[in-house]
């Protein structure tokens, strides 16, 4: 038997491991668990955006532009 605390932690964890576009498995079951899954999902999205290849290219381009403007 899992405790509510374990279910809460699992929902947050599952959201952070979800893929882009995955549906919330807790929707319609528990508002609290659905919100926690969504919180983990949003964290996953922000990590992908912040540390993904597109952001690396963007930052490299900005750094190059700043170097050019310093000359």
PDB file of N, CA and C in Angstrom:
ATOM      1  N   UNK A   1       0.853  -1.183   0.000  1.00  0.00           N
ATOM      2  CA  UNK A   1       0.000   0.000   0.000  1.00  0.00           C
ATOM      3  C   UNK A   1       0.893   1.239   0.000  1.00  0.00           C
ATOM      4  N   UNK A   2       0.708   2.085  -0.977  1.00  0.00           N
ATOM      5  CA  UNK A   2       1.536   3.287  -1.029  1.00  0.00           C
ATOM      6  C   UNK A   2       0.846   4.409  -0.274  1.00  0.00           C
ATOM      7  N   UNK A   3       1.652   5.202   0.354  1.00  0.00           N
ATOM      8  CA  UNK A   3       1.121   6.350   1.069  1.00  0.00           C
ATOM      9  C   UNK A   3       0.872   7.476   0.085  1.00  0.00           C
ATOM     10  N   UNK A   4       0.101   8.450   0.514  1.00  0.00           N
ATOM     11  CA  UNK A   4      -0.164   9.594  -0.357  1.00  0.00           C
ATOM     12  C   UNK A   4       1.132  10.311  -0.687  1.00  0.00           C
ATOM     13  N   UNK A   5       2.040  10.401   0.276  1.00  0.00           N
ATOM     14  CA  UNK A   5       3.334  11.058   0.026  1.00  0.00           C
ATOM     15  C   UNK A   5       4.091  10.373  -1.100  1.00  0.00           C
ATOM     16  N   UNK A   6       4.085   9.057  -1.127  1.00  0.00           N
ATOM     17  CA  UNK A   6       4.760   8.318  -2.189  1.00  0.00           C
ATOM     18  C   UNK A   6       4.093   8.577  -3.540  1.00  0.00           C
ATOM     19  N   UNK A   7       2.773   8.659  -3.557  1.00  0.00           N
ATOM     20  CA  UNK A   7       2.050   8.942  -4.799  1.00  0.00           C
ATOM     21  C   UNK A   7       2.360  10.347  -5.299  1.00  0.00           C
ATOM     22  N   UNK A   8       2.498  11.299  -4.370  1.00  0.00           N
ATOM     23  CA  UNK A   8       2.827  12.681  -4.724  1.00  0.00           C
ATOM     24  C   UNK A   8       4.205  12.743  -5.366  1.00  0.00           C
ATOM     25  N   UNK A   9       5.164  12.106  -4.732  1.00  0.00           N
ATOM     26  CA  UNK A   9       6.533  12.101  -5.252  1.00  0.00           C
ATOM     27  C   UNK A   9       6.578  11.418  -6.615  1.00  0.00           C
ATOM     28  N   UNK A  10       5.845  10.334  -6.752  1.00  0.00           N
ATOM     29  CA  UNK A  10       5.826   9.604  -8.022  1.00  0.00           C
ATOM     30  C   UNK A  10       5.209  10.458  -9.138  1.00  0.00           C
ATOM     31  N   UNK A  11       4.133  11.166  -8.841  1.00  0.00           N
ATOM     32  CA  UNK A  11       3.486  12.007  -9.859  1.00  0.00           C
ATOM     33  C   UNK A  11       4.447  13.096 -10.341  1.00  0.00           C
ATOM     34  N   UNK A  12       5.138  13.739  -9.427  1.00  0.00           N
ATOM     35  CA  UNK A  12       6.101  14.781  -9.777  1.00  0.00           C
ATOM     36  C   UNK A  12       7.229  14.192 -10.627  1.00  0.00           C
ATOM     37  N   UNK A  13       7.728  13.044 -10.216  1.00  0.00           N
ATOM     38  CA  UNK A  13       8.806  12.366 -10.921  1.00  0.00           C
ATOM     39  C   UNK A  13       8.370  11.941 -12.317  1.00  0.00           C
ATOM     40  N   UNK A  14       7.174  11.370 -12.428  1.00  0.00           N
ATOM     41  CA  UNK A  14       6.679  10.934 -13.732  1.00  0.00           C
ATOM     42  C   UNK A  14       6.516  12.114 -14.687  1.00  0.00           C
ATOM     43  N   UNK A  15       6.073  13.246 -14.166  1.00  0.00           N
ATOM     44  CA  UNK A  15       5.957  14.434 -15.003  1.00  0.00           C
ATOM     45  C   UNK A  15       7.305  14.889 -15.528  1.00  0.00           C
ATOM     46  N   UNK A  16       8.325  14.795 -14.693  1.00  0.00           N
ATOM     47  CA  UNK A  16       9.653  15.238 -15.124  1.00  0.00           C
ATOM     48  C   UNK A  16      10.281  14.276 -16.130  1.00  0.00           C
ATOM     49  N   UNK A  17       9.793  13.046 -16.189  1.00  0.00           N
ATOM     50  CA  UNK A  17      10.313  12.063 -17.151  1.00  0.00           C
ATOM     51  C   UNK A  17       9.442  11.937 -18.399  1.00  0.00           C
ATOM     52  N   UNK A  18       8.346  12.661 -18.441  1.00  0.00           N
ATOM     53  CA  UNK A  18       7.422  12.567 -19.581  1.00  0.00           C
ATOM     54  C   UNK A  18       8.080  13.132 -20.838  1.00  0.00           C
ATOM     55  N   UNK A  19       7.514  12.751 -21.957  1.00  0.00           N
ATOM     56  CA  UNK A  19       7.945  13.284 -23.246  1.00  0.00           C
ATOM     57  C   UNK A  19       7.020  14.428 -23.640  1.00  0.00           C
ATOM     58  N   UNK A  20       7.507  15.281 -24.510  1.00  0.00           N
ATOM     59  CA  UNK A  20       6.706  16.405 -24.981  1.00  0.00           C
ATOM     60  C   UNK A  20       5.422  15.867 -25.613  1.00  0.00           C
ATOM     61  N   UNK A  21       4.294  16.393 -25.164  1.00  0.00           N
ATOM     62  CA  UNK A  21       3.006  15.987 -25.701  1.00  0.00           C
ATOM     63  C   UNK A  21       2.332  14.851 -24.966  1.00  0.00           C
ATOM     64  N   UNK A  22       3.004  14.255 -23.992  1.00  0.00           N
ATOM     65  CA  UNK A  22       2.379  13.178 -23.225  1.00  0.00           C
ATOM     66  C   UNK A  22       1.173  13.707 -22.458  1.00  0.00           C
ATOM     67  N   UNK A  23       0.095  12.940 -22.436  1.00  0.00           N
ATOM     68  CA  UNK A  23      -1.070  13.369 -21.657  1.00  0.00           C
ATOM     69  C   UNK A  23      -0.835  13.155 -20.162  1.00  0.00           C
ATOM     70  N   UNK A  24      -1.525  13.924 -19.366  1.00  0.00           N
ATOM     71  CA  UNK A  24      -1.421  13.809 -17.914  1.00  0.00           C
ATOM     72  C   UNK A  24      -2.209  12.577 -17.468  1.00  0.00           C
ATOM     73  N   UNK A  25      -1.512  11.565 -16.939  1.00  0.00           N
ATOM     74  CA  UNK A  25      -2.218  10.338 -16.553  1.00  0.00           C
ATOM     75  C   UNK A  25      -3.114  10.524 -15.318  1.00  0.00           C
ATOM     76  N   UNK A  26      -2.959  11.613 -14.605  1.00  0.00           N
ATOM     77  CA  UNK A  26      -3.738  11.850 -13.399  1.00  0.00           C
ATOM     78  C   UNK A  26      -4.948  12.748 -13.645  1.00  0.00           C
ATOM     79  N   UNK A  27      -5.107  13.230 -14.867  1.00  0.00           N
ATOM     80  CA  UNK A  27      -6.248  14.095 -15.190  1.00  0.00           C
ATOM     81  C   UNK A  27      -7.539  13.314 -14.962  1.00  0.00           C
ATOM     82  N   UNK A  28      -8.446  13.904 -14.213  1.00  0.00           N
ATOM     83  CA  UNK A  28      -9.709  13.255 -13.911  1.00  0.00           C
ATOM     84  C   UNK A  28      -9.661  12.303 -12.743  1.00  0.00           C
ATOM     85  N   UNK A  29      -8.467  12.002 -12.254  1.00  0.00           N
ATOM     86  CA  UNK A  29      -8.325  11.088 -11.115  1.00  0.00           C
ATOM     87  C   UNK A  29      -8.167  11.864  -9.817  1.00  0.00           C
ATOM     88  N   UNK A  30      -7.181  12.757  -9.813  1.00  0.00           N
ATOM     89  CA  UNK A  30      -6.879  13.523  -8.610  1.00  0.00           C
ATOM     90  C   UNK A  30      -6.324  14.876  -9.039  1.00  0.00           C
ATOM     91  N   UNK A  31      -6.966  15.933  -8.614  1.00  0.00           N
ATOM     92  CA  UNK A  31      -6.511  17.274  -8.984  1.00  0.00           C
ATOM     93  C   UNK A  31      -5.108  17.540  -8.437  1.00  0.00           C
ATOM     94  N   UNK A  32      -4.852  17.128  -7.216  1.00  0.00           N
ATOM     95  CA  UNK A  32      -3.532  17.362  -6.610  1.00  0.00           C
ATOM     96  C   UNK A  32      -2.440  16.627  -7.382  1.00  0.00           C
ATOM     97  N   UNK A  33      -2.669  15.368  -7.696  1.00  0.00           N
ATOM     98  CA  UNK A  33      -1.659  14.592  -8.427  1.00  0.00           C
ATOM     99  C   UNK A  33      -1.504  15.110  -9.855  1.00  0.00           C
ATOM    100  N   UNK A  34      -2.608  15.521 -10.475  1.00  0.00           N
ATOM    101  CA  UNK A  34      -2.530  16.078 -11.829  1.00  0.00           C
ATOM    102  C   UNK A  34      -1.700  17.355 -11.838  1.00  0.00           C
ATOM    103  N   UNK A  35      -1.877  18.199 -10.828  1.00  0.00           N
ATOM    104  CA  UNK A  35      -1.097  19.436 -10.754  1.00  0.00           C
ATOM    105  C   UNK A  35       0.379  19.149 -10.501  1.00  0.00           C
ATOM    106  N   UNK A  36       0.664  18.163  -9.677  1.00  0.00           N
ATOM    107  CA  UNK A  36       2.059  17.811  -9.423  1.00  0.00           C
ATOM    108  C   UNK A  36       2.710  17.216 -10.661  1.00  0.00           C
ATOM    109  N   UNK A  37       1.992  16.365 -11.389  1.00  0.00           N
ATOM    110  CA  UNK A  37       2.532  15.827 -12.632  1.00  0.00           C
ATOM    111  C   UNK A  37       2.820  16.974 -13.590  1.00  0.00           C
ATOM    112  N   UNK A  38       1.890  17.920 -13.673  1.00  0.00           N
ATOM    113  CA  UNK A  38       2.065  19.069 -14.564  1.00  0.00           C
ATOM    114  C   UNK A  38       3.280  19.895 -14.153  1.00  0.00           C
ATOM    115  N   UNK A  39       3.492  20.050 -12.872  1.00  0.00           N
ATOM    116  CA  UNK A  39       4.663  20.791 -12.380  1.00  0.00           C
ATOM    117  C   UNK A  39       5.956  20.108 -12.829  1.00  0.00           C
ATOM    118  N   UNK A  40       6.011  18.779 -12.699  1.00  0.00           N
ATOM    119  CA  UNK A  40       7.182  18.036 -13.168  1.00  0.00           C
ATOM    120  C   UNK A  40       7.351  18.147 -14.669  1.00  0.00           C
ATOM    121  N   UNK A  41       6.239  18.117 -15.400  1.00  0.00           N
ATOM    122  CA  UNK A  41       6.259  18.238 -16.853  1.00  0.00           C
ATOM    123  C   UNK A  41       6.799  19.608 -17.273  1.00  0.00           C
ATOM    124  N   UNK A  42       6.346  20.654 -16.610  1.00  0.00           N
ATOM    125  CA  UNK A  42       6.819  22.004 -16.932  1.00  0.00           C
ATOM    126  C   UNK A  42       8.308  22.144 -16.614  1.00  0.00           C
ATOM    127  N   UNK A  43       8.756  21.495 -15.572  1.00  0.00           N
ATOM    128  CA  UNK A  43      10.183  21.514 -15.245  1.00  0.00           C
ATOM    129  C   UNK A  43      10.980  20.830 -16.354  1.00  0.00           C
ATOM    130  N   UNK A  44      10.473  19.694 -16.826  1.00  0.00           N
ATOM    131  CA  UNK A  44      11.134  18.979 -17.915  1.00  0.00           C
ATOM    132  C   UNK A  44      11.228  19.872 -19.147  1.00  0.00           C
ATOM    133  N   UNK A  45      10.141  20.579 -19.469  1.00  0.00           N
ATOM    134  CA  UNK A  45      10.157  21.463 -20.627  1.00  0.00           C
ATOM    135  C   UNK A  45      11.176  22.586 -20.462  1.00  0.00           C
ATOM    136  N   UNK A  46      11.229  23.178 -19.285  1.00  0.00           N
ATOM    137  CA  UNK A  46      12.172  24.282 -19.077  1.00  0.00           C
ATOM    138  C   UNK A  46      13.615  23.798 -19.159  1.00  0.00           C
ATOM    139  N   UNK A  47      13.897  22.608 -18.657  1.00  0.00           N
ATOM    140  CA  UNK A  47      15.254  22.053 -18.756  1.00  0.00           C
ATOM    141  C   UNK A  47      15.610  21.793 -20.215  1.00  0.00           C
ATOM    142  N   UNK A  48      14.670  21.237 -20.974  1.00  0.00           N
ATOM    143  CA  UNK A  48      14.941  20.983 -22.392  1.00  0.00           C
ATOM    144  C   UNK A  48      15.188  22.273 -23.159  1.00  0.00           C
ATOM    145  N   UNK A  49      14.435  23.307 -22.839  1.00  0.00           N
ATOM    146  CA  UNK A  49      14.616  24.583 -23.526  1.00  0.00           C
ATOM    147  C   UNK A  49      15.938  25.217 -23.122  1.00  0.00           C
ATOM    148  N   UNK A  50      16.202  25.243 -21.835  1.00  0.00           N
ATOM    149  CA  UNK A  50      17.383  25.939 -21.320  1.00  0.00           C
ATOM    150  C   UNK A  50      18.696  25.270 -21.726  1.00  0.00           C
ATOM    151  N   UNK A  51      18.705  23.946 -21.816  1.00  0.00           N
ATOM    152  CA  UNK A  51      19.957  23.234 -22.059  1.00  0.00           C
ATOM    153  C   UNK A  51      19.981  22.463 -23.371  1.00  0.00           C
ATOM    154  N   UNK A  52      19.006  22.696 -24.227  1.00  0.00           N
ATOM    155  CA  UNK A  52      18.931  21.988 -25.504  1.00  0.00           C
ATOM    156  C   UNK A  52      19.875  22.558 -26.546  1.00  0.00           C
ATOM    157  N   UNK A  53      19.987  21.884 -27.671  1.00  0.00           N
ATOM    158  CA  UNK A  53      20.906  22.313 -28.729  1.00  0.00           C
ATOM    159  C   UNK A  53      20.550  23.676 -29.326  1.00  0.00           C
ATOM    160  N   UNK A  54      19.287  24.000 -29.407  1.00  0.00           N
ATOM    161  CA  UNK A  54      18.899  25.300 -29.968  1.00  0.00           C
ATOM    162  C   UNK A  54      19.393  26.438 -29.077  1.00  0.00           C
ATOM    163  N   UNK A  55      19.274  26.271 -27.765  1.00  0.00           N
ATOM    164  CA  UNK A  55      19.734  27.316 -26.847  1.00  0.00           C
ATOM    165  C   UNK A  55      21.254  27.441 -26.902  1.00  0.00           C
ATOM    166  N   UNK A  56      21.960  26.337 -27.068  1.00  0.00           N
ATOM    167  CA  UNK A  56      23.427  26.408 -27.178  1.00  0.00           C
ATOM    168  C   UNK A  56      23.819  27.205 -28.416  1.00  0.00           C
ATOM    169  N   UNK A  57      23.136  26.953 -29.533  1.00  0.00           N
ATOM    170  CA  UNK A  57      23.427  27.712 -30.759  1.00  0.00           C
ATOM    171  C   UNK A  57      23.095  29.186 -30.567  1.00  0.00           C
ATOM    172  N   UNK A  58      21.982  29.455 -29.937  1.00  0.00           N
ATOM    173  CA  UNK A  58      21.576  30.840 -29.683  1.00  0.00           C
ATOM    174  C   UNK A  58      22.613  31.564 -28.823  1.00  0.00           C
ATOM    175  N   UNK A  59      23.049  30.917 -27.765  1.00  0.00           N
ATOM    176  CA  UNK A  59      24.044  31.546 -26.884  1.00  0.00           C
ATOM    177  C   UNK A  59      25.375  31.728 -27.585  1.00  0.00           C
ATOM    178  N   UNK A  60      25.770  30.780 -28.404  1.00  0.00           N
ATOM    179  CA  UNK A  60      27.021  30.904 -29.160  1.00  0.00           C
ATOM    180  C   UNK A  60      26.924  32.079 -30.135  1.00  0.00           C
ATOM    181  N   UNK A  61      25.784  32.223 -30.777  1.00  0.00           N
ATOM    182  CA  UNK A  61      25.582  33.342 -31.693  1.00  0.00           C
ATOM    183  C   UNK A  61      25.608  34.680 -30.980  1.00  0.00           C
ATOM    184  N   UNK A  62      24.989  34.743 -29.823  1.00  0.00           N
ATOM    185  CA  UNK A  62      25.014  35.990 -29.047  1.00  0.00           C
ATOM    186  C   UNK A  62      26.427  36.336 -28.591  1.00  0.00           C
ATOM    187  N   UNK A  63      27.159  35.314 -28.148  1.00  0.00           N
ATOM    188  CA  UNK A  63      28.532  35.552 -27.698  1.00  0.00           C
ATOM    189  C   UNK A  63      29.384  36.054 -28.860  1.00  0.00           C
ATOM    190  N   UNK A  64      29.196  35.464 -30.043  1.00  0.00           N
ATOM    191  CA  UNK A  64      29.950  35.900 -31.218  1.00  0.00           C
ATOM    192  C   UNK A  64      29.571  37.333 -31.589  1.00  0.00           C
ATOM    193  N   UNK A  65      28.300  37.662 -31.503  1.00  0.00           N
ATOM    194  CA  UNK A  65      27.848  39.025 -31.834  1.00  0.00           C
ATOM    195  C   UNK A  65      28.419  40.034 -30.826  1.00  0.00           C
ATOM    196  N   UNK A  66      28.455  39.660 -29.580  1.00  0.00           N
ATOM    197  CA  UNK A  66      29.027  40.567 -28.577  1.00  0.00           C
ATOM    198  C   UNK A  66      30.527  40.757 -28.789  1.00  0.00           C
ATOM    199  N   UNK A  67      31.213  39.684 -29.177  1.00  0.00           N
ATOM    200  CA  UNK A  67      32.640  39.794 -29.463  1.00  0.00           C
ATOM    201  C   UNK A  67      32.886  40.720 -30.659  1.00  0.00           C
ATOM    202  N   UNK A  68      32.025  40.612 -31.668  1.00  0.00           N
ATOM    203  CA  UNK A  68      32.154  41.470 -32.854  1.00  0.00           C
ATOM    204  C   UNK A  68      31.881  42.933 -32.514  1.00  0.00           C
ATOM    205  N   UNK A  69      30.944  43.170 -31.619  1.00  0.00           N
ATOM    206  CA  UNK A  69      30.583  44.561 -31.272  1.00  0.00           C
ATOM    207  C   UNK A  69      31.623  45.199 -30.359  1.00  0.00           C
ATOM    208  N   UNK A  70      32.442  44.384 -29.709  1.00  0.00           N
ATOM    209  CA  UNK A  70      33.493  44.918 -28.844  1.00  0.00           C
ATOM    210  C   UNK A  70      34.696  45.420 -29.639  1.00  0.00           C
ATOM    211  N   UNK A  71      34.776  45.062 -30.884  1.00  0.00           N
ATOM    212  CA  UNK A  71      35.953  45.428 -31.703  1.00  0.00           C
ATOM    213  C   UNK A  71      35.812  46.786 -32.276  1.00  0.00           C
TER     214      UNK A  71
END
